[in-house]
Amino acid sequence: MFVSWQLLELFDSEDPRERDFLKTVLHRIYGKFLGLRAFIRKQINNIFLRFIYETDHFNGVAELLEILGSIINGFALPLKAEHKQFLMKVLIPMHTAKGLALFHAQLAYCVVQFLEKDSTLTEPVAERALYF
């Protein structure tokens, strides 16, 4: 499989130009290969969980969130349970990460995309955010 964990790990590059190029490549792959979408989302999920709970460092968080903002915008309604779970268990806890200022705009955009898709998530998101 040409989209692998290693491709997504390249987002940890120190070079912002490389991360920007990878963002374009990954977004195009996601758009063209429907069968890879769940795999790509799962790998991004894993990177974010590792970032939140283990390493607290990953250079490409902002770029991956930019891709996710576009992906979330395209989610069909009603939202799937896995998408809601990603919001509550991954995106909201990311507000506790060190270096939040480096990717807060992209993170907020993703959360707002979810809330615009399903306003019933507003109260649980607020409660979960206050928990952290």
N, C-alpha and C. Protein backbone atom coordinates (compact mmCIF):
# COMPACT_ATOMS: atom_id res chain seq x y z
N MET A 1 0.85 -1.17 0.00
CA MET A 1 0.00 0.00 0.00
C MET A 1 0.90 1.23 0.00
N PHE A 2 0.69 2.12 -0.96
CA PHE A 2 1.57 3.28 -1.08
C PHE A 2 1.26 4.36 -0.06
N VAL A 3 0.09 4.34 0.55
CA VAL A 3 -0.19 5.25 1.66
C VAL A 3 0.03 4.43 2.92
N SER A 4 1.08 4.75 3.62
CA SER A 4 1.41 3.96 4.80
C SER A 4 1.68 4.90 5.97
N TRP A 5 1.90 4.27 7.09
CA TRP A 5 2.26 5.00 8.29
C TRP A 5 3.46 5.90 8.02
N GLN A 6 4.42 5.41 7.22
CA GLN A 6 5.63 6.19 6.96
C GLN A 6 5.33 7.49 6.22
N LEU A 7 4.37 7.48 5.30
CA LEU A 7 4.00 8.71 4.59
C LEU A 7 3.50 9.75 5.58
N LEU A 8 2.64 9.34 6.49
CA LEU A 8 2.10 10.28 7.46
C LEU A 8 3.17 10.72 8.47
N GLU A 9 4.11 9.85 8.76
CA GLU A 9 5.19 10.22 9.67
C GLU A 9 6.08 11.32 9.07
N LEU A 10 6.10 11.44 7.75
CA LEU A 10 6.88 12.49 7.11
C LEU A 10 6.37 13.88 7.49
N PHE A 11 5.13 13.97 7.96
CA PHE A 11 4.59 15.26 8.40
C PHE A 11 5.34 15.80 9.62
N ASP A 12 6.15 14.99 10.26
CA ASP A 12 6.94 15.44 11.40
C ASP A 12 8.20 16.18 10.97
N SER A 13 8.35 16.42 9.69
CA SER A 13 9.52 17.11 9.15
C SER A 13 9.65 18.51 9.75
N GLU A 14 10.89 18.94 9.93
CA GLU A 14 11.17 20.30 10.39
C GLU A 14 10.90 21.33 9.30
N ASP A 15 10.90 20.90 8.04
CA ASP A 15 10.78 21.80 6.89
C ASP A 15 9.30 22.07 6.57
N PRO A 16 8.82 23.30 6.76
CA PRO A 16 7.41 23.60 6.49
C PRO A 16 7.04 23.44 5.02
N ARG A 17 8.00 23.60 4.12
CA ARG A 17 7.71 23.42 2.69
C ARG A 17 7.41 21.95 2.40
N GLU A 18 8.16 21.07 3.03
CA GLU A 18 7.92 19.63 2.85
C GLU A 18 6.55 19.25 3.40
N ARG A 19 6.21 19.77 4.59
CA ARG A 19 4.91 19.48 5.17
C ARG A 19 3.78 20.02 4.30
N ASP A 20 3.96 21.19 3.72
CA ASP A 20 2.93 21.76 2.85
C ASP A 20 2.74 20.90 1.60
N PHE A 21 3.83 20.42 1.03
CA PHE A 21 3.75 19.54 -0.14
C PHE A 21 3.05 18.23 0.23
N LEU A 22 3.42 17.66 1.37
CA LEU A 22 2.78 16.42 1.83
C LEU A 22 1.28 16.62 2.05
N LYS A 23 0.92 17.80 2.55
CA LYS A 23 -0.49 18.11 2.77
C LYS A 23 -1.26 18.03 1.45
N THR A 24 -0.69 18.61 0.40
CA THR A 24 -1.33 18.57 -0.92
C THR A 24 -1.44 17.13 -1.43
N VAL A 25 -0.35 16.38 -1.31
CA VAL A 25 -0.34 14.99 -1.78
C VAL A 25 -1.37 14.15 -1.04
N LEU A 26 -1.37 14.23 0.29
CA LEU A 26 -2.29 13.42 1.08
C LEU A 26 -3.74 13.80 0.79
N HIS A 27 -4.01 15.08 0.65
CA HIS A 27 -5.37 15.53 0.37
C HIS A 27 -5.85 15.00 -0.98
N ARG A 28 -4.98 15.00 -1.96
CA ARG A 28 -5.35 14.46 -3.29
C ARG A 28 -5.57 12.96 -3.24
N ILE A 29 -4.71 12.25 -2.52
CA ILE A 29 -4.89 10.80 -2.36
C ILE A 29 -6.22 10.52 -1.69
N TYR A 30 -6.52 11.27 -0.64
CA TYR A 30 -7.79 11.08 0.08
C TYR A 30 -8.98 11.31 -0.84
N GLY A 31 -8.89 12.31 -1.68
CA GLY A 31 -9.99 12.62 -2.59
C GLY A 31 -10.18 11.61 -3.70
N LYS A 32 -9.10 11.01 -4.18
CA LYS A 32 -9.18 10.11 -5.34
C LYS A 32 -9.41 8.65 -4.98
N PHE A 33 -8.91 8.21 -3.84
CA PHE A 33 -8.96 6.79 -3.48
C PHE A 33 -9.91 6.58 -2.31
N LEU A 34 -11.17 6.35 -2.63
CA LEU A 34 -12.21 6.21 -1.60
C LEU A 34 -11.90 5.08 -0.63
N GLY A 35 -11.31 4.02 -1.12
CA GLY A 35 -11.01 2.87 -0.28
C GLY A 35 -9.94 3.13 0.77
N LEU A 36 -9.18 4.21 0.61
CA LEU A 36 -8.12 4.52 1.57
C LEU A 36 -8.56 5.52 2.64
N ARG A 37 -9.74 6.07 2.49
CA ARG A 37 -10.16 7.15 3.39
C ARG A 37 -10.19 6.72 4.85
N ALA A 38 -10.81 5.61 5.15
CA ALA A 38 -10.88 5.16 6.55
C ALA A 38 -9.49 4.90 7.10
N PHE A 39 -8.63 4.30 6.28
CA PHE A 39 -7.25 4.03 6.71
C PHE A 39 -6.51 5.33 7.03
N ILE A 40 -6.64 6.31 6.16
CA ILE A 40 -5.96 7.60 6.36
C ILE A 40 -6.47 8.27 7.63
N ARG A 41 -7.78 8.29 7.82
CA ARG A 41 -8.35 8.90 9.03
C ARG A 41 -7.85 8.17 10.28
N LYS A 42 -7.78 6.85 10.21
CA LYS A 42 -7.31 6.06 11.36
C LYS A 42 -5.86 6.38 11.69
N GLN A 43 -5.03 6.51 10.66
CA GLN A 43 -3.62 6.81 10.90
C GLN A 43 -3.43 8.22 11.48
N ILE A 44 -4.22 9.18 10.99
CA ILE A 44 -4.17 10.53 11.56
C ILE A 44 -4.62 10.48 13.02
N ASN A 45 -5.67 9.73 13.28
CA ASN A 45 -6.15 9.51 14.64
C ASN A 45 -5.02 8.98 15.52
N ASN A 46 -4.30 7.97 15.05
CA ASN A 46 -3.20 7.39 15.82
C ASN A 46 -2.09 8.40 16.08
N ILE A 47 -1.75 9.19 15.07
CA ILE A 47 -0.71 10.21 15.25
C ILE A 47 -1.14 11.21 16.32
N PHE A 48 -2.38 11.66 16.26
CA PHE A 48 -2.86 12.63 17.24
C PHE A 48 -2.91 12.04 18.65
N LEU A 49 -3.35 10.80 18.79
CA LEU A 49 -3.38 10.17 20.11
C LEU A 49 -1.96 10.04 20.68
N ARG A 50 -1.03 9.66 19.84
CA ARG A 50 0.36 9.57 20.29
C ARG A 50 0.88 10.95 20.68
N PHE A 51 0.52 11.96 19.90
CA PHE A 51 0.92 13.34 20.18
C PHE A 51 0.36 13.80 21.53
N ILE A 52 -0.90 13.53 21.78
CA ILE A 52 -1.57 13.99 23.01
C ILE A 52 -1.03 13.26 24.25
N TYR A 53 -0.95 11.94 24.16
CA TYR A 53 -0.72 11.13 25.36
C TYR A 53 0.70 10.60 25.53
N GLU A 54 1.55 10.70 24.49
CA GLU A 54 2.88 10.12 24.61
C GLU A 54 3.99 11.14 24.36
N THR A 55 4.07 11.67 23.13
CA THR A 55 5.24 12.45 22.76
C THR A 55 5.12 13.94 23.01
N ASP A 56 3.92 14.49 22.90
CA ASP A 56 3.67 15.92 23.04
C ASP A 56 4.45 16.75 22.02
N HIS A 57 4.90 16.09 20.94
CA HIS A 57 5.61 16.81 19.87
C HIS A 57 5.34 16.12 18.54
N PHE A 58 4.91 16.93 17.58
CA PHE A 58 4.77 16.47 16.20
C PHE A 58 4.66 17.72 15.34
N ASN A 59 5.59 17.91 14.44
CA ASN A 59 5.66 19.15 13.66
C ASN A 59 4.46 19.38 12.75
N GLY A 60 3.83 18.33 12.27
CA GLY A 60 2.80 18.49 11.26
C GLY A 60 1.38 18.54 11.76
N VAL A 61 1.17 18.85 13.03
CA VAL A 61 -0.19 18.87 13.58
C VAL A 61 -1.06 19.86 12.82
N ALA A 62 -0.57 21.07 12.61
CA ALA A 62 -1.37 22.10 11.93
C ALA A 62 -1.76 21.66 10.53
N GLU A 63 -0.82 21.08 9.81
CA GLU A 63 -1.10 20.64 8.44
C GLU A 63 -2.11 19.50 8.41
N LEU A 64 -1.98 18.55 9.31
CA LEU A 64 -2.95 17.45 9.36
C LEU A 64 -4.33 17.95 9.75
N LEU A 65 -4.38 18.94 10.63
CA LEU A 65 -5.67 19.53 11.00
C LEU A 65 -6.30 20.28 9.83
N GLU A 66 -5.46 20.90 9.00
CA GLU A 66 -6.00 21.57 7.80
C GLU A 66 -6.66 20.56 6.87
N ILE A 67 -6.01 19.43 6.69
CA ILE A 67 -6.60 18.37 5.86
C ILE A 67 -7.90 17.89 6.50
N LEU A 68 -7.88 17.68 7.81
CA LEU A 68 -9.07 17.20 8.51
C LEU A 68 -10.22 18.19 8.41
N GLY A 69 -9.92 19.48 8.43
CA GLY A 69 -10.97 20.48 8.29
C GLY A 69 -11.73 20.29 7.00
N SER A 70 -11.00 20.02 5.94
CA SER A 70 -11.62 19.77 4.64
C SER A 70 -12.39 18.45 4.64
N ILE A 71 -11.82 17.43 5.26
CA ILE A 71 -12.47 16.12 5.34
C ILE A 71 -13.78 16.23 6.13
N ILE A 72 -13.72 16.88 7.28
CA ILE A 72 -14.90 17.03 8.13
C ILE A 72 -15.99 17.79 7.38
N ASN A 73 -15.59 18.81 6.65
CA ASN A 73 -16.55 19.60 5.87
C ASN A 73 -17.31 18.72 4.88
N GLY A 74 -16.68 17.65 4.41
CA GLY A 74 -17.30 16.76 3.45
C GLY A 74 -18.06 15.58 4.05
N PHE A 75 -18.05 15.46 5.38
CA PHE A 75 -18.77 14.35 6.02
C PHE A 75 -20.26 14.44 5.69
N ALA A 76 -20.83 13.27 5.38
CA ALA A 76 -22.27 13.19 5.12
C ALA A 76 -23.03 13.23 6.44
N LEU A 77 -24.26 13.67 6.34
CA LEU A 77 -25.14 13.70 7.51
C LEU A 77 -26.11 12.53 7.45
N PRO A 78 -26.50 11.97 8.54
CA PRO A 78 -26.03 12.28 9.89
C PRO A 78 -24.60 11.78 10.10
N LEU A 79 -23.90 12.43 11.01
CA LEU A 79 -22.52 12.05 11.29
C LEU A 79 -22.46 10.63 11.84
N LYS A 80 -21.46 9.89 11.39
CA LYS A 80 -21.24 8.53 11.89
C LYS A 80 -20.72 8.60 13.33
N ALA A 81 -20.99 7.54 14.07
CA ALA A 81 -20.53 7.46 15.46
C ALA A 81 -19.01 7.58 15.54
N GLU A 82 -18.29 6.98 14.58
CA GLU A 82 -16.82 7.05 14.62
C GLU A 82 -16.33 8.48 14.48
N HIS A 83 -17.05 9.31 13.71
CA HIS A 83 -16.65 10.70 13.54
C HIS A 83 -16.89 11.49 14.82
N LYS A 84 -18.02 11.25 15.47
CA LYS A 84 -18.32 11.91 16.74
C LYS A 84 -17.31 11.49 17.80
N GLN A 85 -16.94 10.23 17.78
CA GLN A 85 -15.95 9.73 18.74
C GLN A 85 -14.60 10.40 18.51
N PHE A 86 -14.22 10.60 17.26
CA PHE A 86 -12.96 11.29 16.95
C PHE A 86 -12.98 12.70 17.53
N LEU A 87 -14.10 13.39 17.37
CA LEU A 87 -14.23 14.74 17.92
C LEU A 87 -14.02 14.73 19.43
N MET A 88 -14.73 13.85 20.12
CA MET A 88 -14.72 13.86 21.58
C MET A 88 -13.45 13.28 22.20
N LYS A 89 -12.88 12.26 21.56
CA LYS A 89 -11.75 11.55 22.17
C LYS A 89 -10.39 11.99 21.64
N VAL A 90 -10.40 12.73 20.52
CA VAL A 90 -9.12 13.16 19.95
C VAL A 90 -9.05 14.69 19.83
N LEU A 91 -9.98 15.28 19.11
CA LEU A 91 -9.88 16.73 18.87
C LEU A 91 -10.03 17.56 20.14
N ILE A 92 -11.00 17.25 20.97
CA ILE A 92 -11.18 18.04 22.20
C ILE A 92 -9.98 17.89 23.14
N PRO A 93 -9.47 16.67 23.39
CA PRO A 93 -8.27 16.56 24.24
C PRO A 93 -7.03 17.26 23.67
N MET A 94 -7.02 17.54 22.38
CA MET A 94 -5.86 18.24 21.80
C MET A 94 -5.74 19.66 22.36
N HIS A 95 -6.79 20.18 22.97
CA HIS A 95 -6.73 21.51 23.57
C HIS A 95 -5.80 21.55 24.78
N THR A 96 -5.39 20.39 25.28
CA THR A 96 -4.49 20.34 26.43
C THR A 96 -3.02 20.24 26.02
N ALA A 97 -2.75 20.10 24.76
CA ALA A 97 -1.38 19.86 24.29
C ALA A 97 -0.51 21.10 24.45
N LYS A 98 0.76 20.85 24.75
CA LYS A 98 1.73 21.94 24.75
C LYS A 98 1.86 22.44 23.32
N GLY A 99 2.07 23.71 23.16
CA GLY A 99 2.21 24.26 21.82
C GLY A 99 0.88 24.46 21.12
N LEU A 100 -0.21 24.49 21.87
CA LEU A 100 -1.54 24.66 21.29
C LEU A 100 -1.60 25.89 20.39
N ALA A 101 -0.89 26.94 20.75
CA ALA A 101 -0.92 28.17 19.96
C ALA A 101 -0.47 27.95 18.52
N LEU A 102 0.35 26.92 18.29
CA LEU A 102 0.86 26.66 16.95
C LEU A 102 -0.19 26.09 16.00
N PHE A 103 -1.26 25.52 16.55
CA PHE A 103 -2.27 24.89 15.70
C PHE A 103 -3.70 25.18 16.16
N HIS A 104 -3.87 26.13 17.07
CA HIS A 104 -5.20 26.38 17.62
C HIS A 104 -6.22 26.79 16.56
N ALA A 105 -5.83 27.62 15.62
CA ALA A 105 -6.77 28.07 14.58
C ALA A 105 -7.30 26.89 13.78
N GLN A 106 -6.42 25.98 13.40
CA GLN A 106 -6.83 24.80 12.62
C GLN A 106 -7.70 23.86 13.46
N LEU A 107 -7.34 23.71 14.74
CA LEU A 107 -8.12 22.85 15.64
C LEU A 107 -9.52 23.43 15.84
N ALA A 108 -9.59 24.72 16.09
CA ALA A 108 -10.90 25.37 16.28
C ALA A 108 -11.75 25.23 15.03
N TYR A 109 -11.14 25.36 13.86
CA TYR A 109 -11.88 25.21 12.61
C TYR A 109 -12.50 23.82 12.52
N CYS A 110 -11.73 22.80 12.87
CA CYS A 110 -12.24 21.42 12.82
C CYS A 110 -13.42 21.24 13.76
N VAL A 111 -13.30 21.75 14.98
CA VAL A 111 -14.38 21.61 15.96
C VAL A 111 -15.63 22.34 15.46
N VAL A 112 -15.45 23.54 14.94
CA VAL A 112 -16.59 24.31 14.42
C VAL A 112 -17.25 23.58 13.26
N GLN A 113 -16.47 22.93 12.41
CA GLN A 113 -17.05 22.16 11.30
C GLN A 113 -17.98 21.08 11.83
N PHE A 114 -17.56 20.40 12.89
CA PHE A 114 -18.41 19.38 13.51
C PHE A 114 -19.70 20.01 14.05
N LEU A 115 -19.57 21.13 14.75
CA LEU A 115 -20.74 21.76 15.36
C LEU A 115 -21.70 22.30 14.32
N GLU A 116 -21.17 22.76 13.19
CA GLU A 116 -22.04 23.22 12.11
C GLU A 116 -22.77 22.05 11.46
N LYS A 117 -22.14 20.89 11.43
CA LYS A 117 -22.77 19.70 10.87
C LYS A 117 -23.86 19.16 11.80
N ASP A 118 -23.61 19.23 13.11
CA ASP A 118 -24.55 18.66 14.08
C ASP A 118 -24.55 19.52 15.34
N SER A 119 -25.51 20.40 15.44
CA SER A 119 -25.56 21.34 16.57
C SER A 119 -25.84 20.64 17.90
N THR A 120 -26.34 19.41 17.87
CA THR A 120 -26.59 18.68 19.12
C THR A 120 -25.28 18.32 19.82
N LEU A 121 -24.16 18.47 19.14
CA LEU A 121 -22.86 18.19 19.74
C LEU A 121 -22.34 19.35 20.59
N THR A 122 -22.99 20.51 20.50
CA THR A 122 -22.49 21.70 21.17
C THR A 122 -22.35 21.50 22.68
N GLU A 123 -23.40 21.00 23.32
CA GLU A 123 -23.35 20.82 24.77
C GLU A 123 -22.31 19.78 25.19
N PRO A 124 -22.28 18.59 24.57
CA PRO A 124 -21.24 17.63 24.96
C PRO A 124 -19.82 18.14 24.70
N VAL A 125 -19.63 18.89 23.62
CA VAL A 125 -18.30 19.43 23.33
C VAL A 125 -17.91 20.44 24.41
N ALA A 126 -18.84 21.32 24.78
CA ALA A 126 -18.54 22.31 25.81
C ALA A 126 -18.22 21.63 27.14
N GLU A 127 -19.00 20.62 27.50
CA GLU A 127 -18.76 19.90 28.75
C GLU A 127 -17.41 19.20 28.74
N ARG A 128 -17.09 18.58 27.63
CA ARG A 128 -15.81 17.85 27.52
C ARG A 128 -14.64 18.84 27.54
N ALA A 129 -14.81 19.98 26.88
CA ALA A 129 -13.75 20.99 26.86
C ALA A 129 -13.51 21.54 28.27
N LEU A 130 -14.58 21.74 29.03
CA LEU A 130 -14.43 22.22 30.40
C LEU A 130 -13.77 21.18 31.29
N TYR A 131 -13.96 19.91 30.96
CA TYR A 131 -13.32 18.83 31.70
C TYR A 131 -11.80 18.95 31.62
N PHE A 132 -11.33 19.35 30.45
CA PHE A 132 -9.89 19.47 30.26
C PHE A 132 -9.43 20.83 30.71
